[in-house]
Amino acid sequence: MQADLTAEFGALPKAIDALLEALPAASKTDMEPGVELRLGKAYEQQGNAAEAEKHFLGAERTMRASHLNRVDSEDILASTGLFYSRHQKPLEAIQRFHESQRLPGQDVVNRAMLQLQVLREAVKTNAETSKQEFAAFDDLIAEVQHSTLGHGDAVVIADVQKDAKDLRERSKH
């Protein structure tokens, strides 16, 4: 908590110190992945990509060991994927988004939103990867069309489809 407040008010070194101090106490508990994730985010904000990556990977490792719920696991995987996206490592990002799609209890709308993230990374790689990921997206949309969606989910899917269409058109140029 102290680390979150400190980070929010721009005192990243103090936030990092507080998190590093909390890490041994959180070790081998369900709190460890969250502490590692916060450290990864804080180090990235500070511009220290090497330390950020170390702690994002630590969050992933401890997430798997502690068997967090889907929401917390998705947060860790998405945060790590976005970190890799910002640092021009699209294949690493794709790996995290795919793992998040495979989490137990992941619904088709979340999987489609994650596949959109995958597409954003795939167009940075090569034509074959893009082709495979667009085909996977099309399969997901076919699955969505056989699902009963509430109004909010239908709006989300329409936005995802529009964004994917734009990506597909830009990737052809």
N, C-alpha and C. Protein backbone atom coordinates (compact mmCIF):
# COMPACT_ATOMS: atom_id res chain seq x y z
N MET A 1 0.83 -1.18 0.00
CA MET A 1 0.00 0.00 0.00
C MET A 1 0.88 1.26 0.00
N GLN A 2 1.86 1.30 0.89
CA GLN A 2 2.76 2.45 0.94
C GLN A 2 3.47 2.61 -0.41
N ALA A 3 3.87 1.50 -0.99
CA ALA A 3 4.57 1.55 -2.28
C ALA A 3 3.65 2.10 -3.37
N ASP A 4 2.37 1.69 -3.38
CA ASP A 4 1.44 2.19 -4.38
C ASP A 4 1.24 3.69 -4.24
N LEU A 5 1.05 4.17 -3.03
CA LEU A 5 0.87 5.60 -2.80
C LEU A 5 2.12 6.39 -3.16
N THR A 6 3.27 5.85 -2.81
CA THR A 6 4.53 6.53 -3.13
C THR A 6 4.70 6.63 -4.64
N ALA A 7 4.42 5.56 -5.35
CA ALA A 7 4.56 5.56 -6.81
C ALA A 7 3.59 6.56 -7.44
N GLU A 8 2.37 6.61 -6.89
CA GLU A 8 1.35 7.51 -7.43
C GLU A 8 1.78 8.97 -7.31
N PHE A 9 2.51 9.30 -6.28
CA PHE A 9 2.91 10.69 -6.08
C PHE A 9 4.31 10.98 -6.61
N GLY A 10 4.83 10.09 -7.45
CA GLY A 10 6.05 10.38 -8.18
C GLY A 10 7.35 10.09 -7.46
N ALA A 11 7.31 9.40 -6.36
CA ALA A 11 8.53 9.09 -5.64
C ALA A 11 8.91 7.63 -5.90
N LEU A 12 9.22 7.33 -7.16
CA LEU A 12 9.50 5.95 -7.56
C LEU A 12 10.63 5.29 -6.77
N PRO A 13 11.74 5.96 -6.51
CA PRO A 13 12.78 5.28 -5.73
C PRO A 13 12.28 4.80 -4.37
N LYS A 14 11.46 5.60 -3.71
CA LYS A 14 10.91 5.19 -2.41
C LYS A 14 9.94 4.03 -2.58
N ALA A 15 9.15 4.07 -3.65
CA ALA A 15 8.21 2.97 -3.91
C ALA A 15 8.98 1.68 -4.16
N ILE A 16 10.02 1.76 -4.94
CA ILE A 16 10.83 0.58 -5.23
C ILE A 16 11.47 0.05 -3.96
N ASP A 17 12.00 0.94 -3.13
CA ASP A 17 12.60 0.50 -1.87
C ASP A 17 11.57 -0.20 -0.99
N ALA A 18 10.37 0.35 -0.91
CA ALA A 18 9.32 -0.26 -0.08
C ALA A 18 8.94 -1.64 -0.63
N LEU A 19 8.84 -1.76 -1.94
CA LEU A 19 8.50 -3.05 -2.54
C LEU A 19 9.62 -4.07 -2.36
N LEU A 20 10.86 -3.62 -2.52
CA LEU A 20 11.99 -4.53 -2.31
C LEU A 20 12.04 -5.00 -0.86
N GLU A 21 11.67 -4.11 0.06
CA GLU A 21 11.63 -4.48 1.47
C GLU A 21 10.52 -5.49 1.75
N ALA A 22 9.40 -5.36 1.03
CA ALA A 22 8.26 -6.26 1.22
C ALA A 22 8.45 -7.61 0.54
N LEU A 23 9.32 -7.67 -0.47
CA LEU A 23 9.45 -8.89 -1.26
C LEU A 23 9.82 -10.12 -0.45
N PRO A 24 10.80 -10.07 0.47
CA PRO A 24 11.10 -11.28 1.25
C PRO A 24 9.91 -11.78 2.08
N ALA A 25 9.15 -10.85 2.64
CA ALA A 25 7.98 -11.25 3.44
C ALA A 25 6.90 -11.87 2.56
N ALA A 26 6.80 -11.41 1.31
CA ALA A 26 5.79 -11.92 0.38
C ALA A 26 6.21 -13.23 -0.27
N SER A 27 7.51 -13.56 -0.16
CA SER A 27 8.04 -14.75 -0.81
C SER A 27 7.25 -15.99 -0.44
N LYS A 28 6.93 -16.77 -1.45
CA LYS A 28 6.23 -18.04 -1.31
C LYS A 28 4.79 -17.87 -0.80
N THR A 29 4.23 -16.67 -0.96
CA THR A 29 2.83 -16.44 -0.62
C THR A 29 2.10 -15.97 -1.88
N ASP A 30 0.78 -15.87 -1.77
CA ASP A 30 -0.01 -15.38 -2.90
C ASP A 30 0.23 -13.89 -3.16
N MET A 31 0.94 -13.21 -2.27
CA MET A 31 1.25 -11.79 -2.45
C MET A 31 2.46 -11.58 -3.35
N GLU A 32 3.32 -12.57 -3.45
CA GLU A 32 4.57 -12.40 -4.19
C GLU A 32 4.38 -11.97 -5.65
N PRO A 33 3.46 -12.60 -6.41
CA PRO A 33 3.31 -12.16 -7.80
C PRO A 33 2.93 -10.68 -7.92
N GLY A 34 2.07 -10.21 -7.02
CA GLY A 34 1.67 -8.81 -7.06
C GLY A 34 2.81 -7.85 -6.74
N VAL A 35 3.63 -8.23 -5.77
CA VAL A 35 4.79 -7.40 -5.43
C VAL A 35 5.76 -7.36 -6.60
N GLU A 36 6.01 -8.53 -7.21
CA GLU A 36 6.90 -8.58 -8.37
C GLU A 36 6.34 -7.74 -9.52
N LEU A 37 5.03 -7.82 -9.75
CA LEU A 37 4.41 -7.04 -10.82
C LEU A 37 4.57 -5.54 -10.56
N ARG A 38 4.32 -5.12 -9.34
CA ARG A 38 4.47 -3.70 -9.01
C ARG A 38 5.92 -3.23 -9.18
N LEU A 39 6.85 -4.10 -8.82
CA LEU A 39 8.26 -3.76 -9.03
C LEU A 39 8.57 -3.62 -10.52
N GLY A 40 8.05 -4.54 -11.32
CA GLY A 40 8.26 -4.46 -12.77
C GLY A 40 7.74 -3.15 -13.33
N LYS A 41 6.54 -2.77 -12.92
CA LYS A 41 5.95 -1.52 -13.41
C LYS A 41 6.75 -0.31 -12.93
N ALA A 42 7.16 -0.34 -11.66
CA ALA A 42 7.91 0.80 -11.11
C ALA A 42 9.26 0.96 -11.81
N TYR A 43 9.97 -0.15 -11.99
CA TYR A 43 11.26 -0.06 -12.68
C TYR A 43 11.09 0.41 -14.12
N GLU A 44 10.03 -0.03 -14.79
CA GLU A 44 9.81 0.44 -16.16
C GLU A 44 9.54 1.94 -16.17
N GLN A 45 8.72 2.41 -15.23
CA GLN A 45 8.45 3.86 -15.16
C GLN A 45 9.73 4.64 -14.91
N GLN A 46 10.64 4.03 -14.19
CA GLN A 46 11.91 4.67 -13.89
C GLN A 46 12.87 4.60 -15.08
N GLY A 47 12.54 3.78 -16.07
CA GLY A 47 13.38 3.66 -17.25
C GLY A 47 14.42 2.55 -17.17
N ASN A 48 14.27 1.68 -16.20
CA ASN A 48 15.22 0.57 -16.01
C ASN A 48 14.58 -0.71 -16.57
N ALA A 49 14.70 -0.89 -17.89
CA ALA A 49 14.04 -2.01 -18.56
C ALA A 49 14.57 -3.37 -18.09
N ALA A 50 15.86 -3.47 -17.82
CA ALA A 50 16.43 -4.77 -17.41
C ALA A 50 15.83 -5.22 -16.07
N GLU A 51 15.77 -4.32 -15.10
CA GLU A 51 15.17 -4.67 -13.80
C GLU A 51 13.67 -4.89 -13.94
N ALA A 52 13.02 -4.09 -14.78
CA ALA A 52 11.59 -4.27 -15.00
C ALA A 52 11.31 -5.66 -15.54
N GLU A 53 12.06 -6.06 -16.57
CA GLU A 53 11.85 -7.39 -17.16
C GLU A 53 12.07 -8.48 -16.12
N LYS A 54 13.11 -8.34 -15.32
CA LYS A 54 13.40 -9.33 -14.28
C LYS A 54 12.19 -9.51 -13.36
N HIS A 55 11.56 -8.42 -12.99
CA HIS A 55 10.43 -8.51 -12.05
C HIS A 55 9.13 -8.91 -12.74
N PHE A 56 8.93 -8.51 -14.01
CA PHE A 56 7.77 -9.02 -14.74
C PHE A 56 7.87 -10.54 -14.87
N LEU A 57 9.06 -11.04 -15.19
CA LEU A 57 9.24 -12.49 -15.28
C LEU A 57 9.10 -13.16 -13.92
N GLY A 58 9.55 -12.47 -12.87
CA GLY A 58 9.35 -12.98 -11.51
C GLY A 58 7.87 -13.09 -11.18
N ALA A 59 7.09 -12.11 -11.60
CA ALA A 59 5.64 -12.15 -11.37
C ALA A 59 5.02 -13.35 -12.09
N GLU A 60 5.45 -13.58 -13.33
CA GLU A 60 4.96 -14.74 -14.08
C GLU A 60 5.31 -16.05 -13.38
N ARG A 61 6.57 -16.17 -13.02
CA ARG A 61 7.04 -17.41 -12.38
C ARG A 61 6.27 -17.69 -11.09
N THR A 62 6.13 -16.68 -10.25
CA THR A 62 5.46 -16.89 -8.97
C THR A 62 3.95 -17.03 -9.15
N MET A 63 3.41 -16.44 -10.21
CA MET A 63 1.99 -16.60 -10.52
C MET A 63 1.69 -18.07 -10.77
N ARG A 64 2.55 -18.71 -11.54
CA ARG A 64 2.34 -20.13 -11.85
C ARG A 64 2.48 -20.99 -10.60
N ALA A 65 3.39 -20.64 -9.73
CA ALA A 65 3.61 -21.42 -8.51
C ALA A 65 2.49 -21.22 -7.50
N SER A 66 1.89 -20.04 -7.46
CA SER A 66 0.87 -19.77 -6.44
C SER A 66 -0.55 -20.01 -6.94
N HIS A 67 -0.71 -20.30 -8.22
CA HIS A 67 -2.03 -20.61 -8.79
C HIS A 67 -3.05 -19.51 -8.50
N LEU A 68 -2.72 -18.31 -8.93
CA LEU A 68 -3.63 -17.17 -8.75
C LEU A 68 -4.90 -17.37 -9.55
N ASN A 69 -5.90 -16.58 -9.23
CA ASN A 69 -7.15 -16.64 -10.01
C ASN A 69 -6.93 -16.07 -11.40
N ARG A 70 -7.91 -16.26 -12.27
CA ARG A 70 -7.78 -15.85 -13.66
C ARG A 70 -7.54 -14.35 -13.81
N VAL A 71 -8.25 -13.55 -13.03
CA VAL A 71 -8.14 -12.10 -13.17
C VAL A 71 -6.72 -11.63 -12.83
N ASP A 72 -6.18 -12.10 -11.71
CA ASP A 72 -4.82 -11.71 -11.33
C ASP A 72 -3.79 -12.25 -12.32
N SER A 73 -3.98 -13.48 -12.76
CA SER A 73 -3.06 -14.06 -13.73
C SER A 73 -3.11 -13.29 -15.05
N GLU A 74 -4.32 -12.94 -15.48
CA GLU A 74 -4.45 -12.18 -16.72
C GLU A 74 -3.77 -10.81 -16.61
N ASP A 75 -3.88 -10.18 -15.43
CA ASP A 75 -3.24 -8.88 -15.22
C ASP A 75 -1.73 -9.00 -15.37
N ILE A 76 -1.16 -10.03 -14.78
CA ILE A 76 0.29 -10.23 -14.86
C ILE A 76 0.72 -10.52 -16.29
N LEU A 77 0.02 -11.41 -16.96
CA LEU A 77 0.39 -11.77 -18.33
C LEU A 77 0.19 -10.60 -19.29
N ALA A 78 -0.91 -9.87 -19.14
CA ALA A 78 -1.16 -8.72 -20.01
C ALA A 78 -0.12 -7.62 -19.76
N SER A 79 0.19 -7.38 -18.49
CA SER A 79 1.19 -6.35 -18.17
C SER A 79 2.54 -6.71 -18.75
N THR A 80 2.91 -7.98 -18.64
CA THR A 80 4.18 -8.44 -19.19
C THR A 80 4.16 -8.35 -20.72
N GLY A 81 3.05 -8.74 -21.32
CA GLY A 81 2.92 -8.64 -22.77
C GLY A 81 3.02 -7.20 -23.25
N LEU A 82 2.37 -6.30 -22.56
CA LEU A 82 2.44 -4.89 -22.95
C LEU A 82 3.84 -4.32 -22.73
N PHE A 83 4.53 -4.78 -21.68
CA PHE A 83 5.93 -4.38 -21.48
C PHE A 83 6.75 -4.77 -22.70
N TYR A 84 6.61 -6.04 -23.13
CA TYR A 84 7.37 -6.49 -24.29
C TYR A 84 6.96 -5.74 -25.55
N SER A 85 5.70 -5.41 -25.68
CA SER A 85 5.26 -4.62 -26.83
C SER A 85 5.94 -3.25 -26.85
N ARG A 86 5.97 -2.60 -25.70
CA ARG A 86 6.61 -1.27 -25.63
C ARG A 86 8.11 -1.34 -25.88
N HIS A 87 8.70 -2.51 -25.67
CA HIS A 87 10.15 -2.67 -25.85
C HIS A 87 10.49 -3.43 -27.12
N GLN A 88 9.55 -3.39 -28.07
CA GLN A 88 9.77 -3.93 -29.42
C GLN A 88 10.15 -5.41 -29.43
N LYS A 89 9.47 -6.19 -28.60
CA LYS A 89 9.67 -7.65 -28.60
C LYS A 89 8.32 -8.32 -28.84
N PRO A 90 7.83 -8.21 -30.09
CA PRO A 90 6.47 -8.69 -30.37
C PRO A 90 6.25 -10.18 -30.13
N LEU A 91 7.23 -11.01 -30.41
CA LEU A 91 7.03 -12.45 -30.20
C LEU A 91 6.88 -12.78 -28.71
N GLU A 92 7.63 -12.08 -27.87
CA GLU A 92 7.47 -12.27 -26.41
C GLU A 92 6.09 -11.79 -25.97
N ALA A 93 5.64 -10.67 -26.52
CA ALA A 93 4.31 -10.15 -26.18
C ALA A 93 3.23 -11.15 -26.60
N ILE A 94 3.33 -11.65 -27.82
CA ILE A 94 2.34 -12.61 -28.33
C ILE A 94 2.25 -13.82 -27.41
N GLN A 95 3.39 -14.32 -26.98
CA GLN A 95 3.41 -15.49 -26.10
C GLN A 95 2.57 -15.23 -24.84
N ARG A 96 2.69 -14.05 -24.25
CA ARG A 96 1.94 -13.74 -23.02
C ARG A 96 0.45 -13.60 -23.30
N PHE A 97 0.11 -12.95 -24.42
CA PHE A 97 -1.31 -12.80 -24.73
C PHE A 97 -1.96 -14.16 -25.02
N HIS A 98 -1.23 -15.04 -25.70
CA HIS A 98 -1.76 -16.38 -25.95
C HIS A 98 -1.94 -17.14 -24.63
N GLU A 99 -0.97 -17.04 -23.75
CA GLU A 99 -1.10 -17.74 -22.46
C GLU A 99 -2.31 -17.21 -21.70
N SER A 100 -2.53 -15.92 -21.76
CA SER A 100 -3.69 -15.33 -21.09
C SER A 100 -5.00 -15.84 -21.70
N GLN A 101 -5.02 -16.03 -23.01
CA GLN A 101 -6.21 -16.57 -23.66
C GLN A 101 -6.53 -17.98 -23.17
N ARG A 102 -5.51 -18.73 -22.81
CA ARG A 102 -5.69 -20.13 -22.39
C ARG A 102 -6.01 -20.29 -20.92
N LEU A 103 -6.09 -19.21 -20.17
CA LEU A 103 -6.39 -19.33 -18.74
C LEU A 103 -7.78 -19.95 -18.56
N PRO A 104 -7.93 -20.82 -17.57
CA PRO A 104 -9.24 -21.42 -17.30
C PRO A 104 -10.28 -20.34 -17.02
N GLY A 105 -11.46 -20.51 -17.61
CA GLY A 105 -12.54 -19.57 -17.37
C GLY A 105 -12.54 -18.35 -18.27
N GLN A 106 -11.62 -18.30 -19.22
CA GLN A 106 -11.53 -17.15 -20.11
C GLN A 106 -12.70 -17.21 -21.10
N ASP A 107 -13.51 -16.17 -21.14
CA ASP A 107 -14.66 -16.20 -22.06
C ASP A 107 -14.25 -15.73 -23.46
N VAL A 108 -15.14 -15.94 -24.40
CA VAL A 108 -14.82 -15.67 -25.80
C VAL A 108 -14.58 -14.18 -26.06
N VAL A 109 -15.24 -13.30 -25.31
CA VAL A 109 -15.04 -11.86 -25.51
C VAL A 109 -13.63 -11.47 -25.07
N ASN A 110 -13.20 -11.94 -23.90
CA ASN A 110 -11.83 -11.67 -23.45
C ASN A 110 -10.81 -12.26 -24.41
N ARG A 111 -11.07 -13.47 -24.88
CA ARG A 111 -10.14 -14.10 -25.82
C ARG A 111 -10.03 -13.28 -27.11
N ALA A 112 -11.16 -12.72 -27.57
CA ALA A 112 -11.14 -11.90 -28.78
C ALA A 112 -10.35 -10.60 -28.54
N MET A 113 -10.54 -9.98 -27.37
CA MET A 113 -9.80 -8.75 -27.07
C MET A 113 -8.30 -9.05 -26.99
N LEU A 114 -7.95 -10.18 -26.39
CA LEU A 114 -6.54 -10.56 -26.32
C LEU A 114 -5.98 -10.88 -27.71
N GLN A 115 -6.80 -11.50 -28.56
CA GLN A 115 -6.35 -11.80 -29.92
C GLN A 115 -6.10 -10.51 -30.69
N LEU A 116 -6.85 -9.47 -30.40
CA LEU A 116 -6.58 -8.18 -31.03
C LEU A 116 -5.19 -7.69 -30.62
N GLN A 117 -4.83 -7.87 -29.35
CA GLN A 117 -3.49 -7.51 -28.91
C GLN A 117 -2.45 -8.33 -29.67
N VAL A 118 -2.74 -9.62 -29.84
CA VAL A 118 -1.84 -10.49 -30.60
C VAL A 118 -1.66 -9.95 -32.02
N LEU A 119 -2.78 -9.56 -32.65
CA LEU A 119 -2.71 -9.03 -34.02
C LEU A 119 -1.84 -7.79 -34.09
N ARG A 120 -1.96 -6.92 -33.10
CA ARG A 120 -1.15 -5.69 -33.09
C ARG A 120 0.34 -6.03 -33.06
N GLU A 121 0.69 -7.11 -32.40
CA GLU A 121 2.09 -7.53 -32.35
C GLU A 121 2.47 -8.31 -33.61
N ALA A 122 1.57 -9.16 -34.09
CA ALA A 122 1.87 -10.01 -35.23
C ALA A 122 2.21 -9.20 -36.47
N VAL A 123 1.54 -8.06 -36.66
CA VAL A 123 1.83 -7.25 -37.85
C VAL A 123 3.22 -6.63 -37.78
N LYS A 124 3.86 -6.67 -36.63
CA LYS A 124 5.23 -6.17 -36.48
C LYS A 124 6.26 -7.24 -36.83
N THR A 125 5.81 -8.49 -37.00
CA THR A 125 6.75 -9.59 -37.21
C THR A 125 6.89 -9.90 -38.69
N ASN A 126 6.23 -10.94 -39.15
CA ASN A 126 6.35 -11.34 -40.55
C ASN A 126 4.99 -11.74 -41.10
N ALA A 127 4.92 -11.90 -42.40
CA ALA A 127 3.65 -12.16 -43.06
C ALA A 127 3.03 -13.48 -42.61
N GLU A 128 3.84 -14.50 -42.40
CA GLU A 128 3.31 -15.81 -42.00
C GLU A 128 2.68 -15.76 -40.62
N THR A 129 3.35 -15.12 -39.68
CA THR A 129 2.80 -14.99 -38.33
C THR A 129 1.50 -14.19 -38.37
N SER A 130 1.49 -13.10 -39.12
CA SER A 130 0.28 -12.29 -39.25
C SER A 130 -0.86 -13.12 -39.83
N LYS A 131 -0.57 -13.86 -40.87
CA LYS A 131 -1.59 -14.68 -41.52
C LYS A 131 -2.19 -15.69 -40.54
N GLN A 132 -1.35 -16.36 -39.77
CA GLN A 132 -1.82 -17.34 -38.79
C GLN A 132 -2.67 -16.69 -37.71
N GLU A 133 -2.23 -15.53 -37.25
CA GLU A 133 -2.97 -14.86 -36.17
C GLU A 133 -4.28 -14.26 -36.65
N PHE A 134 -4.32 -13.77 -37.88
CA PHE A 134 -5.59 -13.29 -38.43
C PHE A 134 -6.56 -14.47 -38.62
N ALA A 135 -6.05 -15.62 -39.02
CA ALA A 135 -6.91 -16.81 -39.15
C ALA A 135 -7.47 -17.21 -37.78
N ALA A 136 -6.64 -17.15 -36.75
CA ALA A 136 -7.10 -17.46 -35.39
C ALA A 136 -8.16 -16.45 -34.94
N PHE A 137 -7.96 -15.19 -35.31
CA PHE A 137 -8.95 -14.16 -34.99
C PHE A 137 -10.28 -14.47 -35.68
N ASP A 138 -10.21 -14.82 -36.95
CA ASP A 138 -11.43 -15.14 -37.71
C ASP A 138 -12.17 -16.32 -37.08
N ASP A 139 -11.43 -17.32 -36.60
CA ASP A 139 -12.04 -18.46 -35.92
C ASP A 139 -12.74 -18.02 -34.63
N LEU A 140 -12.11 -17.12 -33.90
CA LEU A 140 -12.72 -16.61 -32.67
C LEU A 140 -14.01 -15.84 -32.98
N ILE A 141 -14.00 -15.06 -34.02
CA ILE A 141 -15.19 -14.29 -34.39
C ILE A 141 -16.31 -15.25 -34.80
N ALA A 142 -15.97 -16.33 -35.49
CA ALA A 142 -16.97 -17.34 -35.83
C ALA A 142 -17.56 -17.95 -34.55
N GLU A 143 -16.71 -18.18 -33.56
CA GLU A 143 -17.19 -18.70 -32.27
C GLU A 143 -18.11 -17.68 -31.59
N VAL A 144 -17.74 -16.42 -31.66
CA VAL A 144 -18.55 -15.36 -31.06
C VAL A 144 -19.94 -15.33 -31.70
N GLN A 145 -19.99 -15.52 -33.00
CA GLN A 145 -21.27 -15.46 -33.71
C GLN A 145 -22.21 -16.58 -33.30
N HIS A 146 -21.68 -17.63 -32.70
CA HIS A 146 -22.52 -18.73 -32.21
C HIS A 146 -22.80 -18.58 -30.72
N SER A 147 -22.41 -17.46 -30.15
CA SER A 147 -22.60 -17.21 -28.72
C SER A 147 -23.72 -16.18 -28.54
N THR A 148 -24.33 -16.24 -27.38
CA THR A 148 -25.31 -15.22 -27.01
C THR A 148 -24.58 -14.16 -26.21
N LEU A 149 -24.57 -12.95 -26.74
CA LEU A 149 -23.86 -11.85 -26.10
C LEU A 149 -24.85 -10.82 -25.58
N GLY A 150 -24.50 -10.24 -24.44
CA GLY A 150 -25.25 -9.09 -23.96
C GLY A 150 -24.88 -7.89 -24.81
N HIS A 151 -25.63 -6.80 -24.64
CA HIS A 151 -25.40 -5.60 -25.44
C HIS A 151 -23.97 -5.08 -25.28
N GLY A 152 -23.47 -5.01 -24.04
CA GLY A 152 -22.12 -4.49 -23.80
C GLY A 152 -21.06 -5.33 -24.48
N ASP A 153 -21.19 -6.66 -24.39
CA ASP A 153 -20.22 -7.54 -25.05
C ASP A 153 -20.30 -7.41 -26.57
N ALA A 154 -21.52 -7.25 -27.10
CA ALA A 154 -21.68 -7.10 -28.55
C ALA A 154 -21.00 -5.82 -29.04
N VAL A 155 -21.07 -4.76 -28.25
CA VAL A 155 -20.42 -3.50 -28.61
C VAL A 155 -18.90 -3.69 -28.59
N VAL A 156 -18.40 -4.38 -27.56
CA VAL A 156 -16.95 -4.64 -27.47
C VAL A 156 -16.49 -5.43 -28.69
N ILE A 157 -17.22 -6.48 -29.03
CA ILE A 157 -16.83 -7.32 -30.19
C ILE A 157 -16.87 -6.50 -31.48
N ALA A 158 -17.85 -5.64 -31.64
CA ALA A 158 -17.91 -4.80 -32.84
C ALA A 158 -16.68 -3.89 -32.92
N ASP A 159 -16.27 -3.32 -31.79
CA ASP A 159 -15.07 -2.48 -31.77
C ASP A 159 -13.82 -3.29 -32.08
N VAL A 160 -13.74 -4.49 -31.52
CA VAL A 160 -12.58 -5.37 -31.77
C VAL A 160 -12.52 -5.72 -33.25
N GLN A 161 -13.66 -6.03 -33.84
CA GLN A 161 -13.69 -6.37 -35.27
C GLN A 161 -13.25 -5.18 -36.13
N LYS A 162 -13.70 -4.00 -35.77
CA LYS A 162 -13.32 -2.80 -36.52
C LYS A 162 -11.81 -2.58 -36.44
N ASP A 163 -11.26 -2.69 -35.22
CA ASP A 163 -9.81 -2.51 -35.05
C ASP A 163 -9.03 -3.56 -35.81
N ALA A 164 -9.50 -4.80 -35.79
CA ALA A 164 -8.83 -5.88 -36.51
C ALA A 164 -8.88 -5.65 -38.02
N LYS A 165 -10.02 -5.15 -38.50
CA LYS A 165 -10.15 -4.85 -39.93
C LYS A 165 -9.14 -3.77 -40.32
N ASP A 166 -9.01 -2.74 -39.50
CA ASP A 166 -8.04 -1.67 -39.77
C ASP A 166 -6.61 -2.23 -39.79
N LEU A 167 -6.29 -3.10 -38.84
CA LEU A 167 -4.97 -3.71 -38.80
C LEU A 167 -4.71 -4.55 -40.05
N ARG A 168 -5.71 -5.31 -40.43
CA ARG A 168 -5.58 -6.17 -41.61
C ARG A 168 -5.31 -5.33 -42.85
N GLU A 169 -6.04 -4.23 -42.99
CA GLU A 169 -5.85 -3.37 -44.16
C GLU A 169 -4.47 -2.69 -44.15
N ARG A 170 -4.04 -2.22 -42.99
CA ARG A 170 -2.72 -1.58 -42.89
C ARG A 170 -1.60 -2.57 -43.13
N SER A 171 -1.80 -3.83 -42.72
CA SER A 171 -0.72 -4.82 -42.88
C SER A 171 -0.56 -5.25 -44.33
N LYS A 172 -1.53 -4.97 -45.16
CA LYS A 172 -1.42 -5.34 -46.59
C LYS A 172 -0.57 -4.34 -47.36
N HIS A 173 -0.30 -3.20 -46.78
CA HIS A 173 0.45 -2.15 -47.47
C HIS A 173 1.91 -2.23 -47.20
